Amino acid sequence: MVATLTNDDTTDYADSVKGRFTIS
């Protein structure tokens, strides 16, 4: 998993990509 996004705008990122990747 790299990143996830829910309908209520909750996001989750793998530690290795935090601060560098953005899901939208």
mmCIF file of all heavy atoms, coordinates in Angstrom:
data_MODEL
# 
_entry.id   MODEL 
# 
loop_
_atom_site.group_PDB 
_atom_site.id 
_atom_site.type_symbol 
_atom_site.label_atom_id 
_atom_site.label_alt_id 
_atom_site.label_comp_id 
_atom_site.label_asym_id 
_atom_site.label_entity_id 
_atom_site.label_seq_id 
_atom_site.pdbx_PDB_ins_code 
_atom_site.Cartn_x 
_atom_site.Cartn_y 
_atom_site.Cartn_z 
_atom_site.occupancy 
_atom_site.B_iso_or_equiv 
_atom_site.pdbx_formal_charge 
_atom_site.auth_seq_id 
_atom_site.auth_comp_id 
_atom_site.auth_asym_id 
_atom_site.auth_atom_id 
_atom_site.pdbx_PDB_model_num 
ATOM 1   N N   . MET A 1 1  ? 0.835   -1.185 0.000  1.00 0.00 ? 1  MET A N   1 
ATOM 2   C CA  . MET A 1 1  ? 0.000   0.000  0.000  1.00 0.00 ? 1  MET A CA  1 
ATOM 3   C C   . MET A 1 1  ? 0.872   1.237  0.000  1.00 0.00 ? 1  MET A C   1 
ATOM 4   O O   . MET A 1 1  ? 1.855   1.307  0.745  1.00 0.00 ? 1  MET A O   1 
ATOM 5   C CB  . MET A 1 1  ? -0.925  0.008  1.218  1.00 0.00 ? 1  MET A CB  1 
ATOM 6   C CG  . MET A 1 1  ? -1.938  1.149  1.240  1.00 0.00 ? 1  MET A CG  1 
ATOM 7   S SD  . MET A 1 1  ? -1.279  2.700  1.949  1.00 0.00 ? 1  MET A SD  1 
ATOM 8   C CE  . MET A 1 1  ? -1.192  2.255  3.684  1.00 0.00 ? 1  MET A CE  1 
ATOM 9   N N   . VAL A 1 2  ? 0.505   2.201  -0.822 1.00 0.00 ? 2  VAL A N   1 
ATOM 10  C CA  . VAL A 1 2  ? 1.207   3.472  -0.880 1.00 0.00 ? 2  VAL A CA  1 
ATOM 11  C C   . VAL A 1 2  ? 0.384   4.563  -0.220 1.00 0.00 ? 2  VAL A C   1 
ATOM 12  O O   . VAL A 1 2  ? 0.890   5.316  0.619  1.00 0.00 ? 2  VAL A O   1 
ATOM 13  C CB  . VAL A 1 2  ? 1.546   3.868  -2.325 1.00 0.00 ? 2  VAL A CB  1 
ATOM 14  C CG1 . VAL A 1 2  ? 2.189   5.249  -2.374 1.00 0.00 ? 2  VAL A CG1 1 
ATOM 15  C CG2 . VAL A 1 2  ? 2.459   2.827  -2.955 1.00 0.00 ? 2  VAL A CG2 1 
ATOM 16  N N   . ALA A 1 3  ? -0.889  4.679  -0.610 1.00 0.00 ? 3  ALA A N   1 
ATOM 17  C CA  . ALA A 1 3  ? -1.753  5.726  -0.085 1.00 0.00 ? 3  ALA A CA  1 
ATOM 18  C C   . ALA A 1 3  ? -3.205  5.331  -0.266 1.00 0.00 ? 3  ALA A C   1 
ATOM 19  O O   . ALA A 1 3  ? -3.553  4.682  -1.247 1.00 0.00 ? 3  ALA A O   1 
ATOM 20  C CB  . ALA A 1 3  ? -1.483  7.061  -0.777 1.00 0.00 ? 3  ALA A CB  1 
ATOM 21  N N   . THR A 1 4  ? -4.058  5.722  0.673  1.00 0.00 ? 4  THR A N   1 
ATOM 22  C CA  . THR A 1 4  ? -5.491  5.497  0.558  1.00 0.00 ? 4  THR A CA  1 
ATOM 23  C C   . THR A 1 4  ? -6.238  6.777  0.889  1.00 0.00 ? 4  THR A C   1 
ATOM 24  O O   . THR A 1 4  ? -5.737  7.643  1.604  1.00 0.00 ? 4  THR A O   1 
ATOM 25  C CB  . THR A 1 4  ? -5.991  4.369  1.478  1.00 0.00 ? 4  THR A CB  1 
ATOM 26  O OG1 . THR A 1 4  ? -5.690  4.678  2.837  1.00 0.00 ? 4  THR A OG1 1 
ATOM 27  C CG2 . THR A 1 4  ? -5.357  3.044  1.101  1.00 0.00 ? 4  THR A CG2 1 
ATOM 28  N N   . LEU A 1 5  ? -7.468  6.864  0.361  1.00 0.00 ? 5  LEU A N   1 
ATOM 29  C CA  . LEU A 1 5  ? -8.309  8.036  0.539  1.00 0.00 ? 5  LEU A CA  1 
ATOM 30  C C   . LEU A 1 5  ? -9.753  7.586  0.659  1.00 0.00 ? 5  LEU A C   1 
ATOM 31  O O   . LEU A 1 5  ? -10.239 6.823  -0.169 1.00 0.00 ? 5  LEU A O   1 
ATOM 32  C CB  . LEU A 1 5  ? -8.150  8.986  -0.649 1.00 0.00 ? 5  LEU A CB  1 
ATOM 33  C CG  . LEU A 1 5  ? -9.071  10.208 -0.707 1.00 0.00 ? 5  LEU A CG  1 
ATOM 34  C CD1 . LEU A 1 5  ? -8.747  11.174 0.426  1.00 0.00 ? 5  LEU A CD1 1 
ATOM 35  C CD2 . LEU A 1 5  ? -8.926  10.903 -2.057 1.00 0.00 ? 5  LEU A CD2 1 
ATOM 36  N N   . THR A 1 6  ? -10.454 8.055  1.691  1.00 0.00 ? 6  THR A N   1 
ATOM 37  C CA  . THR A 1 6  ? -11.856 7.738  1.884  1.00 0.00 ? 6  THR A CA  1 
ATOM 38  C C   . THR A 1 6  ? -12.726 8.921  1.510  1.00 0.00 ? 6  THR A C   1 
ATOM 39  O O   . THR A 1 6  ? -12.242 10.036 1.295  1.00 0.00 ? 6  THR A O   1 
ATOM 40  C CB  . THR A 1 6  ? -12.148 7.343  3.339  1.00 0.00 ? 6  THR A CB  1 
ATOM 41  O OG1 . THR A 1 6  ? -11.928 8.475  4.197  1.00 0.00 ? 6  THR A OG1 1 
ATOM 42  C CG2 . THR A 1 6  ? -11.247 6.196  3.782  1.00 0.00 ? 6  THR A CG2 1 
ATOM 43  N N   . ASN A 1 7  ? -14.053 8.674  1.447  1.00 0.00 ? 7  ASN A N   1 
ATOM 44  C CA  . ASN A 1 7  ? -14.983 9.730  1.074  1.00 0.00 ? 7  ASN A CA  1 
ATOM 45  C C   . ASN A 1 7  ? -15.021 10.874 2.077  1.00 0.00 ? 7  ASN A C   1 
ATOM 46  O O   . ASN A 1 7  ? -15.374 11.995 1.719  1.00 0.00 ? 7  ASN A O   1 
ATOM 47  C CB  . ASN A 1 7  ? -16.391 9.164  0.901  1.00 0.00 ? 7  ASN A CB  1 
ATOM 48  C CG  . ASN A 1 7  ? -16.591 8.489  -0.433 1.00 0.00 ? 7  ASN A CG  1 
ATOM 49  O OD1 . ASN A 1 7  ? -15.670 8.396  -1.248 1.00 0.00 ? 7  ASN A OD1 1 
ATOM 50  N ND2 . ASN A 1 7  ? -17.807 8.010  -0.674 1.00 0.00 ? 7  ASN A ND2 1 
ATOM 51  N N   . ASP A 1 8  ? -14.686 10.594 3.336  1.00 0.00 ? 8  ASP A N   1 
ATOM 52  C CA  . ASP A 1 8  ? -14.646 11.658 4.336  1.00 0.00 ? 8  ASP A CA  1 
ATOM 53  C C   . ASP A 1 8  ? -13.270 12.310 4.422  1.00 0.00 ? 8  ASP A C   1 
ATOM 54  O O   . ASP A 1 8  ? -12.958 12.989 5.403  1.00 0.00 ? 8  ASP A O   1 
ATOM 55  C CB  . ASP A 1 8  ? -15.098 11.151 5.699  1.00 0.00 ? 8  ASP A CB  1 
ATOM 56  C CG  . ASP A 1 8  ? -14.150 10.134 6.306  1.00 0.00 ? 8  ASP A CG  1 
ATOM 57  O OD1 . ASP A 1 8  ? -13.154 9.763  5.661  1.00 0.00 ? 8  ASP A OD1 1 
ATOM 58  O OD2 . ASP A 1 8  ? -14.407 9.703  7.449  1.00 0.00 ? 8  ASP A OD2 1 
ATOM 59  N N   . ASP A 1 9  ? -12.435 12.078 3.406  1.00 0.00 ? 9  ASP A N   1 
ATOM 60  C CA  . ASP A 1 9  ? -11.139 12.730 3.245  1.00 0.00 ? 9  ASP A CA  1 
ATOM 61  C C   . ASP A 1 9  ? -10.075 12.224 4.198  1.00 0.00 ? 9  ASP A C   1 
ATOM 62  O O   . ASP A 1 9  ? -9.045  12.880 4.391  1.00 0.00 ? 9  ASP A O   1 
ATOM 63  C CB  . ASP A 1 9  ? -11.260 14.246 3.362  1.00 0.00 ? 9  ASP A CB  1 
ATOM 64  C CG  . ASP A 1 9  ? -12.126 14.845 2.283  1.00 0.00 ? 9  ASP A CG  1 
ATOM 65  O OD1 . ASP A 1 9  ? -12.025 14.392 1.120  1.00 0.00 ? 9  ASP A OD1 1 
ATOM 66  O OD2 . ASP A 1 9  ? -12.906 15.764 2.588  1.00 0.00 ? 9  ASP A OD2 1 
ATOM 67  N N   . THR A 1 10 ? -10.282 11.054 4.782  1.00 0.00 ? 10 THR A N   1 
ATOM 68  C CA  . THR A 1 10 ? -9.243  10.438 5.576  1.00 0.00 ? 10 THR A CA  1 
ATOM 69  C C   . THR A 1 10 ? -8.177  9.853  4.652  1.00 0.00 ? 10 THR A C   1 
ATOM 70  O O   . THR A 1 10 ? -8.501  9.141  3.699  1.00 0.00 ? 10 THR A O   1 
ATOM 71  C CB  . THR A 1 10 ? -9.812  9.331  6.469  1.00 0.00 ? 10 THR A CB  1 
ATOM 72  O OG1 . THR A 1 10 ? -10.764 9.897  7.375  1.00 0.00 ? 10 THR A OG1 1 
ATOM 73  C CG2 . THR A 1 10 ? -8.709  8.654  7.272  1.00 0.00 ? 10 THR A CG2 1 
ATOM 74  N N   . THR A 1 11 ? -6.937  10.163 4.925  1.00 0.00 ? 11 THR A N   1 
ATOM 75  C CA  . THR A 1 11 ? -5.833  9.647  4.128  1.00 0.00 ? 11 THR A CA  1 
ATOM 76  C C   . THR A 1 11 ? -4.906  8.803  4.978  1.00 0.00 ? 11 THR A C   1 
ATOM 77  O O   . THR A 1 11 ? -4.815  8.977  6.196  1.00 0.00 ? 11 THR A O   1 
ATOM 78  C CB  . THR A 1 11 ? -5.019  10.776 3.484  1.00 0.00 ? 11 THR A CB  1 
ATOM 79  O OG1 . THR A 1 11 ? -4.512  11.648 4.498  1.00 0.00 ? 11 THR A OG1 1 
ATOM 80  C CG2 . THR A 1 11 ? -5.879  11.576 2.513  1.00 0.00 ? 11 THR A CG2 1 
ATOM 81  N N   . ASP A 1 12 ? -4.225  7.892  4.328  1.00 0.00 ? 12 ASP A N   1 
ATOM 82  C CA  . ASP A 1 12 ? -3.223  7.072  4.974  1.00 0.00 ? 12 ASP A CA  1 
ATOM 83  C C   . ASP A 1 12 ? -2.088  6.865  3.982  1.00 0.00 ? 12 ASP A C   1 
ATOM 84  O O   . ASP A 1 12 ? -2.335  6.662  2.791  1.00 0.00 ? 12 ASP A O   1 
ATOM 85  C CB  . ASP A 1 12 ? -3.809  5.733  5.413  1.00 0.00 ? 12 ASP A CB  1 
ATOM 86  C CG  . ASP A 1 12 ? -2.879  4.959  6.330  1.00 0.00 ? 12 ASP A CG  1 
ATOM 87  O OD1 . ASP A 1 12 ? -2.044  5.587  7.013  1.00 0.00 ? 12 ASP A OD1 1 
ATOM 88  O OD2 . ASP A 1 12 ? -2.979  3.714  6.385  1.00 0.00 ? 12 ASP A OD2 1 
ATOM 89  N N   . TYR A 1 13 ? -0.863  6.936  4.479  1.00 0.00 ? 13 TYR A N   1 
ATOM 90  C CA  . TYR A 1 13 ? 0.308   6.800  3.630  1.00 0.00 ? 13 TYR A CA  1 
ATOM 91  C C   . TYR A 1 13 ? 1.284   5.818  4.234  1.00 0.00 ? 13 TYR A C   1 
ATOM 92  O O   . TYR A 1 13 ? 1.413   5.715  5.457  1.00 0.00 ? 13 TYR A O   1 
ATOM 93  C CB  . TYR A 1 13 ? 1.026   8.141  3.460  1.00 0.00 ? 13 TYR A CB  1 
ATOM 94  C CG  . TYR A 1 13 ? 0.218   9.202  2.759  1.00 0.00 ? 13 TYR A CG  1 
ATOM 95  C CD1 . TYR A 1 13 ? -0.534  10.128 3.482  1.00 0.00 ? 13 TYR A CD1 1 
ATOM 96  C CD2 . TYR A 1 13 ? 0.215   9.290  1.373  1.00 0.00 ? 13 TYR A CD2 1 
ATOM 97  C CE1 . TYR A 1 13 ? -1.275  11.105 2.840  1.00 0.00 ? 13 TYR A CE1 1 
ATOM 98  C CE2 . TYR A 1 13 ? -0.523  10.269 0.725  1.00 0.00 ? 13 TYR A CE2 1 
ATOM 99  C CZ  . TYR A 1 13 ? -1.263  11.171 1.469  1.00 0.00 ? 13 TYR A CZ  1 
ATOM 100 O OH  . TYR A 1 13 ? -1.988  12.142 0.822  1.00 0.00 ? 13 TYR A OH  1 
ATOM 101 N N   . ALA A 1 14 ? 1.976   5.111  3.358  1.00 0.00 ? 14 ALA A N   1 
ATOM 102 C CA  . ALA A 1 14 ? 3.094   4.308  3.814  1.00 0.00 ? 14 ALA A CA  1 
ATOM 103 C C   . ALA A 1 14 ? 4.165   5.225  4.392  1.00 0.00 ? 14 ALA A C   1 
ATOM 104 O O   . ALA A 1 14 ? 4.370   6.340  3.905  1.00 0.00 ? 14 ALA A O   1 
ATOM 105 C CB  . ALA A 1 14 ? 3.677   3.487  2.665  1.00 0.00 ? 14 ALA A CB  1 
ATOM 106 N N   . ASP A 1 15 ? 4.832   4.754  5.426  1.00 0.00 ? 15 ASP A N   1 
ATOM 107 C CA  . ASP A 1 15 ? 5.858   5.585  6.060  1.00 0.00 ? 15 ASP A CA  1 
ATOM 108 C C   . ASP A 1 15 ? 6.917   6.043  5.057  1.00 0.00 ? 15 ASP A C   1 
ATOM 109 O O   . ASP A 1 15 ? 7.447   7.155  5.171  1.00 0.00 ? 15 ASP A O   1 
ATOM 110 C CB  . ASP A 1 15 ? 6.530   4.816  7.196  1.00 0.00 ? 15 ASP A CB  1 
ATOM 111 C CG  . ASP A 1 15 ? 5.645   4.660  8.412  1.00 0.00 ? 15 ASP A CG  1 
ATOM 112 O OD1 . ASP A 1 15 ? 4.648   5.403  8.532  1.00 0.00 ? 15 ASP A OD1 1 
ATOM 113 O OD2 . ASP A 1 15 ? 5.942   3.788  9.251  1.00 0.00 ? 15 ASP A OD2 1 
ATOM 114 N N   . SER A 1 16 ? 7.215   5.214  4.088  1.00 0.00 ? 16 SER A N   1 
ATOM 115 C CA  . SER A 1 16 ? 8.269   5.518  3.138  1.00 0.00 ? 16 SER A CA  1 
ATOM 116 C C   . SER A 1 16 ? 7.939   6.675  2.203  1.00 0.00 ? 16 SER A C   1 
ATOM 117 O O   . SER A 1 16 ? 8.841   7.228  1.566  1.00 0.00 ? 16 SER A O   1 
ATOM 118 C CB  . SER A 1 16 ? 8.610   4.274  2.306  1.00 0.00 ? 16 SER A CB  1 
ATOM 119 O OG  . SER A 1 16 ? 7.477   3.822  1.592  1.00 0.00 ? 16 SER A OG  1 
ATOM 120 N N   . VAL A 1 17 ? 6.656   7.055  2.107  1.00 0.00 ? 17 VAL A N   1 
ATOM 121 C CA  . VAL A 1 17 ? 6.268   8.113  1.180  1.00 0.00 ? 17 VAL A CA  1 
ATOM 122 C C   . VAL A 1 17 ? 5.667   9.323  1.872  1.00 0.00 ? 17 VAL A C   1 
ATOM 123 O O   . VAL A 1 17 ? 5.366   10.323 1.199  1.00 0.00 ? 17 VAL A O   1 
ATOM 124 C CB  . VAL A 1 17 ? 5.287   7.601  0.104  1.00 0.00 ? 17 VAL A CB  1 
ATOM 125 C CG1 . VAL A 1 17 ? 5.839   6.361  -0.580 1.00 0.00 ? 17 VAL A CG1 1 
ATOM 126 C CG2 . VAL A 1 17 ? 3.910   7.325  0.708  1.00 0.00 ? 17 VAL A CG2 1 
ATOM 127 N N   . LYS A 1 18 ? 5.492   9.279  3.171  1.00 0.00 ? 18 LYS A N   1 
ATOM 128 C CA  . LYS A 1 18 ? 4.911   10.409 3.896  1.00 0.00 ? 18 LYS A CA  1 
ATOM 129 C C   . LYS A 1 18 ? 5.734   11.674 3.683  1.00 0.00 ? 18 LYS A C   1 
ATOM 130 O O   . LYS A 1 18 ? 6.956   11.653 3.762  1.00 0.00 ? 18 LYS A O   1 
ATOM 131 C CB  . LYS A 1 18 ? 4.825   10.103 5.392  1.00 0.00 ? 18 LYS A CB  1 
ATOM 132 C CG  . LYS A 1 18 ? 3.721   9.146  5.760  1.00 0.00 ? 18 LYS A CG  1 
ATOM 133 C CD  . LYS A 1 18 ? 3.664   8.909  7.272  1.00 0.00 ? 18 LYS A CD  1 
ATOM 134 C CE  . LYS A 1 18 ? 2.532   7.972  7.633  1.00 0.00 ? 18 LYS A CE  1 
ATOM 135 N NZ  . LYS A 1 18 ? 2.511   7.673  9.092  1.00 0.00 ? 18 LYS A NZ  1 
ATOM 136 N N   . GLY A 1 19 ? 5.030   12.761 3.405  1.00 0.00 ? 19 GLY A N   1 
ATOM 137 C CA  . GLY A 1 19 ? 5.688   14.026 3.155  1.00 0.00 ? 19 GLY A CA  1 
ATOM 138 C C   . GLY A 1 19 ? 6.118   14.219 1.728  1.00 0.00 ? 19 GLY A C   1 
ATOM 139 O O   . GLY A 1 19 ? 6.503   15.334 1.352  1.00 0.00 ? 19 GLY A O   1 
ATOM 140 N N   . ARG A 1 20 ? 6.061   13.166 0.921  1.00 0.00 ? 20 ARG A N   1 
ATOM 141 C CA  . ARG A 1 20 ? 6.473   13.258 -0.475 1.00 0.00 ? 20 ARG A CA  1 
ATOM 142 C C   . ARG A 1 20 ? 5.328   13.004 -1.448 1.00 0.00 ? 20 ARG A C   1 
ATOM 143 O O   . ARG A 1 20 ? 5.298   13.598 -2.523 1.00 0.00 ? 20 ARG A O   1 
ATOM 144 C CB  . ARG A 1 20 ? 7.599   12.261 -0.766 1.00 0.00 ? 20 ARG A CB  1 
ATOM 145 C CG  . ARG A 1 20 ? 8.850   12.482 0.075  1.00 0.00 ? 20 ARG A CG  1 
ATOM 146 C CD  . ARG A 1 20 ? 10.000  11.604 -0.407 1.00 0.00 ? 20 ARG A CD  1 
ATOM 147 N NE  . ARG A 1 20 ? 9.695   10.177 -0.272 1.00 0.00 ? 20 ARG A NE  1 
ATOM 148 C CZ  . ARG A 1 20 ? 9.642   9.317  -1.281 1.00 0.00 ? 20 ARG A CZ  1 
ATOM 149 N NH1 . ARG A 1 20 ? 9.894   9.722  -2.522 1.00 0.00 ? 20 ARG A NH1 1 
ATOM 150 N NH2 . ARG A 1 20 ? 9.370   8.028  -1.057 1.00 0.00 ? 20 ARG A NH2 1 
ATOM 151 N N   . PHE A 1 21 ? 4.405   12.119 -1.084 1.00 0.00 ? 21 PHE A N   1 
ATOM 152 C CA  . PHE A 1 21 ? 3.285   11.751 -1.954 1.00 0.00 ? 21 PHE A CA  1 
ATOM 153 C C   . PHE A 1 21 ? 1.988   12.316 -1.399 1.00 0.00 ? 21 PHE A C   1 
ATOM 154 O O   . PHE A 1 21 ? 1.805   12.414 -0.178 1.00 0.00 ? 21 PHE A O   1 
ATOM 155 C CB  . PHE A 1 21 ? 3.140   10.233 -2.051 1.00 0.00 ? 21 PHE A CB  1 
ATOM 156 C CG  . PHE A 1 21 ? 4.232   9.528  -2.810 1.00 0.00 ? 21 PHE A CG  1 
ATOM 157 C CD1 . PHE A 1 21 ? 5.402   10.170 -3.176 1.00 0.00 ? 21 PHE A CD1 1 
ATOM 158 C CD2 . PHE A 1 21 ? 4.074   8.193  -3.149 1.00 0.00 ? 21 PHE A CD2 1 
ATOM 159 C CE1 . PHE A 1 21 ? 6.402   9.514  -3.869 1.00 0.00 ? 21 PHE A CE1 1 
ATOM 160 C CE2 . PHE A 1 21 ? 5.064   7.518  -3.841 1.00 0.00 ? 21 PHE A CE2 1 
ATOM 161 C CZ  . PHE A 1 21 ? 6.222   8.169  -4.200 1.00 0.00 ? 21 PHE A CZ  1 
ATOM 162 N N   . THR A 1 22 ? 1.066   12.654 -2.295 1.00 0.00 ? 22 THR A N   1 
ATOM 163 C CA  . THR A 1 22 ? -0.252  13.135 -1.904 1.00 0.00 ? 22 THR A CA  1 
ATOM 164 C C   . THR A 1 22 ? -1.312  12.477 -2.772 1.00 0.00 ? 22 THR A C   1 
ATOM 165 O O   . THR A 1 22 ? -1.237  12.538 -4.002 1.00 0.00 ? 22 THR A O   1 
ATOM 166 C CB  . THR A 1 22 ? -0.363  14.665 -2.048 1.00 0.00 ? 22 THR A CB  1 
ATOM 167 O OG1 . THR A 1 22 ? 0.646   15.304 -1.266 1.00 0.00 ? 22 THR A OG1 1 
ATOM 168 C CG2 . THR A 1 22 ? -1.737  15.139 -1.570 1.00 0.00 ? 22 THR A CG2 1 
ATOM 169 N N   . ILE A 1 23 ? -2.302  11.865 -2.137 1.00 0.00 ? 23 ILE A N   1 
ATOM 170 C CA  . ILE A 1 23 ? -3.428  11.283 -2.851 1.00 0.00 ? 23 ILE A CA  1 
ATOM 171 C C   . ILE A 1 23 ? -4.583  12.275 -2.826 1.00 0.00 ? 23 ILE A C   1 
ATOM 172 O O   . ILE A 1 23 ? -4.833  12.921 -1.802 1.00 0.00 ? 23 ILE A O   1 
ATOM 173 C CB  . ILE A 1 23 ? -3.842  9.921  -2.253 1.00 0.00 ? 23 ILE A CB  1 
ATOM 174 C CG1 . ILE A 1 23 ? -4.932  9.258  -3.108 1.00 0.00 ? 23 ILE A CG1 1 
ATOM 175 C CG2 . ILE A 1 23 ? -4.285  10.057 -0.805 1.00 0.00 ? 23 ILE A CG2 1 
ATOM 176 C CD1 . ILE A 1 23 ? -5.239  7.816  -2.697 1.00 0.00 ? 23 ILE A CD1 1 
ATOM 177 N N   . SER A 1 24 ? -5.276  12.411 -3.946 1.00 0.00 ? 24 SER A N   1 
ATOM 178 C CA  . SER A 1 24 ? -6.393  13.338 -4.044 1.00 0.00 ? 24 SER A CA  1 
ATOM 179 C C   . SER A 1 24 ? -7.388  12.817 -5.071 1.00 0.00 ? 24 SER A C   1 
ATOM 180 O O   . SER A 1 24 ? -7.126  11.832 -5.754 1.00 0.00 ? 24 SER A O   1 
ATOM 181 C CB  . SER A 1 24 ? -5.916  14.743 -4.421 1.00 0.00 ? 24 SER A CB  1 
ATOM 182 O OG  . SER A 1 24 ? -5.304  14.743 -5.696 1.00 0.00 ? 24 SER A OG  1 
# 
